[in-house]
């Protein structure tokens, strides 16, 4: 039987985000079309507004363009 492994969410997220940032930086340096995240929200919804704001912050942190159509 294998031993259980504790996953540290923040550490794992930071590692994955670092890998994504490295990849995005490579794409940005070799492509005329840098990656972008486009968001379309139908209607008014406070939790959705918060979620979209969090996605925008993360996109900016990773060097990904962000387009909010609202």
PDB file of N, CA and C in Angstrom:
ATOM      1  N   UNK A   1       0.835  -1.173   0.000  1.00  0.00           N
ATOM      2  CA  UNK A   1       0.000   0.000   0.000  1.00  0.00           C
ATOM      3  C   UNK A   1       0.890   1.250   0.000  1.00  0.00           C
ATOM      4  N   UNK A   2       0.573   2.219  -0.821  1.00  0.00           N
ATOM      5  CA  UNK A   2       1.402   3.419  -0.916  1.00  0.00           C
ATOM      6  C   UNK A   2       1.047   4.410   0.193  1.00  0.00           C
ATOM      7  N   UNK A   3       1.997   5.248   0.496  1.00  0.00           N
ATOM      8  CA  UNK A   3       1.840   6.231   1.556  1.00  0.00           C
ATOM      9  C   UNK A   3       1.093   7.450   1.019  1.00  0.00           C
ATOM     10  N   UNK A   4       0.200   8.018   1.824  1.00  0.00           N
ATOM     11  CA  UNK A   4      -0.554   9.213   1.432  1.00  0.00           C
ATOM     12  C   UNK A   4       0.395  10.396   1.334  1.00  0.00           C
ATOM     13  N   UNK A   5       0.098  11.303   0.404  1.00  0.00           N
ATOM     14  CA  UNK A   5       0.927  12.489   0.220  1.00  0.00           C
ATOM     15  C   UNK A   5       0.062  13.729   0.417  1.00  0.00           C
ATOM     16  N   UNK A   6       0.508  14.600   1.282  1.00  0.00           N
ATOM     17  CA  UNK A   6      -0.197  15.847   1.548  1.00  0.00           C
ATOM     18  C   UNK A   6       0.127  16.851   0.441  1.00  0.00           C
ATOM     19  N   UNK A   7      -0.902  17.393  -0.167  1.00  0.00           N
ATOM     20  CA  UNK A   7      -0.705  18.398  -1.206  1.00  0.00           C
ATOM     21  C   UNK A   7      -0.831  19.783  -0.587  1.00  0.00           C
ATOM     22  N   UNK A   8       0.157  20.610  -0.810  1.00  0.00           N
ATOM     23  CA  UNK A   8       0.134  21.997  -0.351  1.00  0.00           C
ATOM     24  C   UNK A   8      -0.386  22.852  -1.506  1.00  0.00           C
ATOM     25  N   UNK A   9      -1.646  23.268  -1.405  1.00  0.00           N
ATOM     26  CA  UNK A   9      -2.305  23.972  -2.497  1.00  0.00           C
ATOM     27  C   UNK A   9      -1.584  25.219  -2.985  1.00  0.00           C
ATOM     28  N   UNK A  10      -1.170  26.073  -2.055  1.00  0.00           N
ATOM     29  CA  UNK A  10      -0.514  27.323  -2.447  1.00  0.00           C
ATOM     30  C   UNK A  10       0.829  27.051  -3.123  1.00  0.00           C
ATOM     31  N   UNK A  11       1.562  26.081  -2.604  1.00  0.00           N
ATOM     32  CA  UNK A  11       2.862  25.750  -3.192  1.00  0.00           C
ATOM     33  C   UNK A  11       2.672  25.155  -4.586  1.00  0.00           C
ATOM     34  N   UNK A  12       1.709  24.253  -4.714  1.00  0.00           N
ATOM     35  CA  UNK A  12       1.435  23.632  -6.006  1.00  0.00           C
ATOM     36  C   UNK A  12       0.948  24.669  -7.022  1.00  0.00           C
ATOM     37  N   UNK A  13       0.052  25.562  -6.586  1.00  0.00           N
ATOM     38  CA  UNK A  13      -0.457  26.611  -7.474  1.00  0.00           C
ATOM     39  C   UNK A  13       0.678  27.514  -7.945  1.00  0.00           C
ATOM     40  N   UNK A  14       1.580  27.894  -7.041  1.00  0.00           N
ATOM     41  CA  UNK A  14       2.709  28.759  -7.403  1.00  0.00           C
ATOM     42  C   UNK A  14       3.610  28.068  -8.431  1.00  0.00           C
ATOM     43  N   UNK A  15       3.824  26.775  -8.259  1.00  0.00           N
ATOM     44  CA  UNK A  15       4.654  26.021  -9.205  1.00  0.00           C
ATOM     45  C   UNK A  15       4.003  25.988 -10.593  1.00  0.00           C
ATOM     46  N   UNK A  16       2.716  25.692 -10.631  1.00  0.00           N
ATOM     47  CA  UNK A  16       2.003  25.635 -11.905  1.00  0.00           C
ATOM     48  C   UNK A  16       1.968  27.011 -12.560  1.00  0.00           C
ATOM     49  N   UNK A  17       1.705  28.046 -11.771  1.00  0.00           N
ATOM     50  CA  UNK A  17       1.670  29.407 -12.321  1.00  0.00           C
ATOM     51  C   UNK A  17       3.030  29.816 -12.859  1.00  0.00           C
ATOM     52  N   UNK A  18       4.096  29.406 -12.194  1.00  0.00           N
ATOM     53  CA  UNK A  18       5.443  29.692 -12.692  1.00  0.00           C
ATOM     54  C   UNK A  18       5.690  29.037 -14.041  1.00  0.00           C
ATOM     55  N   UNK A  19       5.241  27.798 -14.189  1.00  0.00           N
ATOM     56  CA  UNK A  19       5.388  27.095 -15.465  1.00  0.00           C
ATOM     57  C   UNK A  19       4.578  27.784 -16.562  1.00  0.00           C
ATOM     58  N   UNK A  20       3.367  28.216 -16.222  1.00  0.00           N
ATOM     59  CA  UNK A  20       2.521  28.915 -17.203  1.00  0.00           C
ATOM     60  C   UNK A  20       3.168  30.231 -17.598  1.00  0.00           C
ATOM     61  N   UNK A  21       3.683  30.991 -16.614  1.00  0.00           N
ATOM     62  CA  UNK A  21       4.327  32.282 -16.916  1.00  0.00           C
ATOM     63  C   UNK A  21       5.523  32.086 -17.833  1.00  0.00           C
ATOM     64  N   UNK A  22       6.329  31.060 -17.585  1.00  0.00           N
ATOM     65  CA  UNK A  22       7.476  30.773 -18.451  1.00  0.00           C
ATOM     66  C   UNK A  22       7.014  30.495 -19.879  1.00  0.00           C
ATOM     67  N   UNK A  23       5.973  29.685 -20.016  1.00  0.00           N
ATOM     68  CA  UNK A  23       5.442  29.358 -21.334  1.00  0.00           C
ATOM     69  C   UNK A  23       4.888  30.610 -22.023  1.00  0.00           C
ATOM     70  N   UNK A  24       4.121  31.413 -21.282  1.00  0.00           N
ATOM     71  CA  UNK A  24       3.535  32.634 -21.850  1.00  0.00           C
ATOM     72  C   UNK A  24       4.641  33.589 -22.301  1.00  0.00           C
ATOM     73  N   UNK A  25       5.687  33.735 -21.500  1.00  0.00           N
ATOM     74  CA  UNK A  25       6.804  34.606 -21.871  1.00  0.00           C
ATOM     75  C   UNK A  25       7.466  34.124 -23.163  1.00  0.00           C
ATOM     76  N   UNK A  26       7.616  32.816 -23.317  1.00  0.00           N
ATOM     77  CA  UNK A  26       8.190  32.260 -24.552  1.00  0.00           C
ATOM     78  C   UNK A  26       7.291  32.555 -25.749  1.00  0.00           C
ATOM     79  N   UNK A  27       5.993  32.375 -25.570  1.00  0.00           N
ATOM     80  CA  UNK A  27       5.047  32.643 -26.662  1.00  0.00           C
ATOM     81  C   UNK A  27       5.075  34.115 -27.024  1.00  0.00           C
ATOM     82  N   UNK A  28       5.075  34.978 -26.016  1.00  0.00           N
ATOM     83  CA  UNK A  28       5.089  36.429 -26.276  1.00  0.00           C
ATOM     84  C   UNK A  28       6.339  36.854 -27.050  1.00  0.00           C
ATOM     85  N   UNK A  29       7.472  36.199 -26.779  1.00  0.00           N
ATOM     86  CA  UNK A  29       8.718  36.594 -27.438  1.00  0.00           C
ATOM     87  C   UNK A  29       8.829  36.052 -28.859  1.00  0.00           C
ATOM     88  N   UNK A  30       8.040  35.044 -29.191  1.00  0.00           N
ATOM     89  CA  UNK A  30       8.165  34.434 -30.519  1.00  0.00           C
ATOM     90  C   UNK A  30       6.936  34.599 -31.393  1.00  0.00           C
ATOM     91  N   UNK A  31       5.892  35.242 -30.885  1.00  0.00           N
ATOM     92  CA  UNK A  31       4.650  35.334 -31.636  1.00  0.00           C
ATOM     93  C   UNK A  31       4.187  36.779 -31.758  1.00  0.00           C
ATOM     94  N   UNK A  32       3.560  37.076 -32.870  1.00  0.00           N
ATOM     95  CA  UNK A  32       2.989  38.402 -33.065  1.00  0.00           C
ATOM     96  C   UNK A  32       1.640  38.508 -32.350  1.00  0.00           C
ATOM     97  N   UNK A  33       1.123  37.377 -31.883  1.00  0.00           N
ATOM     98  CA  UNK A  33      -0.185  37.343 -31.227  1.00  0.00           C
ATOM     99  C   UNK A  33      -0.045  36.766 -29.819  1.00  0.00           C
ATOM    100  N   UNK A  34       0.219  37.631 -28.844  1.00  0.00           N
ATOM    101  CA  UNK A  34       0.366  37.131 -27.472  1.00  0.00           C
ATOM    102  C   UNK A  34      -0.962  36.564 -26.962  1.00  0.00           C
ATOM    103  N   UNK A  35      -0.914  35.647 -26.007  1.00  0.00           N
ATOM    104  CA  UNK A  35      -2.145  35.051 -25.487  1.00  0.00           C
ATOM    105  C   UNK A  35      -3.004  36.066 -24.754  1.00  0.00           C
ATOM    106  N   UNK A  36      -4.322  35.887 -24.897  1.00  0.00           N
ATOM    107  CA  UNK A  36      -5.287  36.763 -24.231  1.00  0.00           C
ATOM    108  C   UNK A  36      -6.426  35.919 -23.679  1.00  0.00           C
ATOM    109  N   UNK A  37      -7.018  36.409 -22.610  1.00  0.00           N
ATOM    110  CA  UNK A  37      -8.208  35.808 -22.038  1.00  0.00           C
ATOM    111  C   UNK A  37      -9.344  36.788 -22.261  1.00  0.00           C
ATOM    112  N   UNK A  38     -10.382  36.356 -22.973  1.00  0.00           N
ATOM    113  CA  UNK A  38     -11.542  37.210 -23.233  1.00  0.00           C
ATOM    114  C   UNK A  38     -12.706  36.726 -22.374  1.00  0.00           C
ATOM    115  N   UNK A  39     -13.404  37.674 -21.765  1.00  0.00           N
ATOM    116  CA  UNK A  39     -14.511  37.344 -20.873  1.00  0.00           C
ATOM    117  C   UNK A  39     -15.783  37.997 -21.378  1.00  0.00           C
ATOM    118  N   UNK A  40     -16.838  37.216 -21.401  1.00  0.00           N
ATOM    119  CA  UNK A  40     -18.166  37.716 -21.764  1.00  0.00           C
ATOM    120  C   UNK A  40     -19.100  37.330 -20.635  1.00  0.00           C
ATOM    121  N   UNK A  41     -19.731  38.323 -20.022  1.00  0.00           N
ATOM    122  CA  UNK A  41     -20.659  38.063 -18.917  1.00  0.00           C
ATOM    123  C   UNK A  41     -22.045  38.508 -19.333  1.00  0.00           C
ATOM    124  N   UNK A  42     -23.008  37.611 -19.187  1.00  0.00           N
ATOM    125  CA  UNK A  42     -24.400  37.943 -19.495  1.00  0.00           C
ATOM    126  C   UNK A  42     -25.110  38.306 -18.195  1.00  0.00           C
ATOM    127  N   UNK A  43     -25.605  39.516 -18.108  1.00  0.00           N
ATOM    128  CA  UNK A  43     -26.343  39.930 -16.924  1.00  0.00           C
ATOM    129  C   UNK A  43     -25.451  40.464 -15.819  1.00  0.00           C
ATOM    130  N   UNK A  44     -26.111  40.865 -14.731  1.00  0.00           N
ATOM    131  CA  UNK A  44     -25.425  41.418 -13.561  1.00  0.00           C
ATOM    132  C   UNK A  44     -25.398  40.357 -12.469  1.00  0.00           C
ATOM    133  N   UNK A  45     -24.219  40.101 -11.917  1.00  0.00           N
ATOM    134  CA  UNK A  45     -24.109  39.106 -10.868  1.00  0.00           C
ATOM    135  C   UNK A  45     -22.841  39.410 -10.071  1.00  0.00           C
ATOM    136  N   UNK A  46     -23.010  39.793  -8.800  1.00  0.00           N
ATOM    137  CA  UNK A  46     -21.862  40.187  -7.977  1.00  0.00           C
ATOM    138  C   UNK A  46     -20.811  39.086  -7.830  1.00  0.00           C
ATOM    139  N   UNK A  47     -21.197  37.834  -7.560  1.00  0.00           N
ATOM    140  CA  UNK A  47     -20.166  36.790  -7.479  1.00  0.00           C
ATOM    141  C   UNK A  47     -19.416  36.617  -8.798  1.00  0.00           C
ATOM    142  N   UNK A  48     -20.114  36.748  -9.904  1.00  0.00           N
ATOM    143  CA  UNK A  48     -19.449  36.644 -11.209  1.00  0.00           C
ATOM    144  C   UNK A  48     -18.489  37.802 -11.423  1.00  0.00           C
ATOM    145  N   UNK A  49     -18.884  38.997 -10.992  1.00  0.00           N
ATOM    146  CA  UNK A  49     -18.002  40.160 -11.095  1.00  0.00           C
ATOM    147  C   UNK A  49     -16.713  39.913 -10.316  1.00  0.00           C
ATOM    148  N   UNK A  50     -16.845  39.361  -9.106  1.00  0.00           N
ATOM    149  CA  UNK A  50     -15.675  39.058  -8.290  1.00  0.00           C
ATOM    150  C   UNK A  50     -14.792  38.034  -8.991  1.00  0.00           C
ATOM    151  N   UNK A  51     -15.400  36.976  -9.504  1.00  0.00           N
ATOM    152  CA  UNK A  51     -14.651  35.910 -10.177  1.00  0.00           C
ATOM    153  C   UNK A  51     -13.898  36.460 -11.387  1.00  0.00           C
ATOM    154  N   UNK A  52     -14.547  37.282 -12.171  1.00  0.00           N
ATOM    155  CA  UNK A  52     -13.913  37.880 -13.348  1.00  0.00           C
ATOM    156  C   UNK A  52     -12.746  38.763 -12.909  1.00  0.00           C
ATOM    157  N   UNK A  53     -12.920  39.495 -11.824  1.00  0.00           N
ATOM    158  CA  UNK A  53     -11.835  40.321 -11.300  1.00  0.00           C
ATOM    159  C   UNK A  53     -10.630  39.477 -10.897  1.00  0.00           C
ATOM    160  N   UNK A  54     -10.886  38.330 -10.279  1.00  0.00           N
ATOM    161  CA  UNK A  54      -9.795  37.432  -9.892  1.00  0.00           C
ATOM    162  C   UNK A  54      -9.089  36.867 -11.120  1.00  0.00           C
ATOM    163  N   UNK A  55      -9.857  36.549 -12.152  1.00  0.00           N
ATOM    164  CA  UNK A  55      -9.259  36.036 -13.384  1.00  0.00           C
ATOM    165  C   UNK A  55      -8.400  37.112 -14.053  1.00  0.00           C
ATOM    166  N   UNK A  56      -8.854  38.358 -14.004  1.00  0.00           N
ATOM    167  CA  UNK A  56      -8.075  39.456 -14.579  1.00  0.00           C
ATOM    168  C   UNK A  56      -6.752  39.628 -13.829  1.00  0.00           C
ATOM    169  N   UNK A  57      -6.790  39.589 -12.493  1.00  0.00           N
ATOM    170  CA  UNK A  57      -5.567  39.724 -11.698  1.00  0.00           C
ATOM    171  C   UNK A  57      -4.578  38.603 -12.025  1.00  0.00           C
ATOM    172  N   UNK A  58      -5.075  37.378 -12.120  1.00  0.00           N
ATOM    173  CA  UNK A  58      -4.200  36.249 -12.412  1.00  0.00           C
ATOM    174  C   UNK A  58      -3.639  36.349 -13.829  1.00  0.00           C
ATOM    175  N   UNK A  59      -4.465  36.751 -14.781  1.00  0.00           N
ATOM    176  CA  UNK A  59      -3.986  36.908 -16.160  1.00  0.00           C
ATOM    177  C   UNK A  59      -2.855  37.932 -16.206  1.00  0.00           C
ATOM    178  N   UNK A  60      -3.034  39.058 -15.529  1.00  0.00           N
ATOM    179  CA  UNK A  60      -1.996  40.092 -15.524  1.00  0.00           C
ATOM    180  C   UNK A  60      -0.729  39.567 -14.865  1.00  0.00           C
ATOM    181  N   UNK A  61      -0.864  38.811 -13.777  1.00  0.00           N
ATOM    182  CA  UNK A  61       0.290  38.246 -13.077  1.00  0.00           C
ATOM    183  C   UNK A  61       1.079  37.299 -13.983  1.00  0.00           C
ATOM    184  N   UNK A  62       0.365  36.572 -14.853  1.00  0.00           N
ATOM    185  CA  UNK A  62       1.003  35.589 -15.730  1.00  0.00           C
ATOM    186  C   UNK A  62       1.420  36.174 -17.081  1.00  0.00           C
ATOM    187  N   UNK A  63       1.125  37.453 -17.311  1.00  0.00           N
ATOM    188  CA  UNK A  63       1.508  38.082 -18.573  1.00  0.00           C
ATOM    189  C   UNK A  63       0.537  37.813 -19.708  1.00  0.00           C
ATOM    190  N   UNK A  64      -0.668  37.408 -19.354  1.00  0.00           N
ATOM    191  CA  UNK A  64      -1.708  37.115 -20.343  1.00  0.00           C
ATOM    192  C   UNK A  64      -2.589  38.341 -20.492  1.00  0.00           C
ATOM    193  N   UNK A  65      -2.843  38.747 -21.732  1.00  0.00           N
ATOM    194  CA  UNK A  65      -3.733  39.879 -21.964  1.00  0.00           C
ATOM    195  C   UNK A  65      -5.147  39.552 -21.479  1.00  0.00           C
ATOM    196  N   UNK A  66      -5.915  40.573 -21.142  1.00  0.00           N
ATOM    197  CA  UNK A  66      -7.275  40.369 -20.631  1.00  0.00           C
ATOM    198  C   UNK A  66      -8.214  41.324 -21.339  1.00  0.00           C
ATOM    199  N   UNK A  67      -9.325  40.774 -21.837  1.00  0.00           N
ATOM    200  CA  UNK A  67     -10.321  41.586 -22.520  1.00  0.00           C
ATOM    201  C   UNK A  67     -11.663  41.320 -21.849  1.00  0.00           C
ATOM    202  N   UNK A  68     -12.248  42.362 -21.278  1.00  0.00           N
ATOM    203  CA  UNK A  68     -13.562  42.251 -20.638  1.00  0.00           C
ATOM    204  C   UNK A  68     -14.545  42.977 -21.533  1.00  0.00           C
ATOM    205  N   UNK A  69     -15.503  42.271 -22.084  1.00  0.00           N
ATOM    206  CA  UNK A  69     -16.417  42.861 -23.053  1.00  0.00           C
ATOM    207  C   UNK A  69     -17.559  43.641 -22.398  1.00  0.00           C
ATOM    208  N   UNK A  70     -17.567  43.726 -21.093  1.00  0.00           N
ATOM    209  CA  UNK A  70     -18.658  44.456 -20.416  1.00  0.00           C
ATOM    210  C   UNK A  70     -18.390  45.923 -20.358  1.00  0.00           C
TER     211      UNK A  70
END
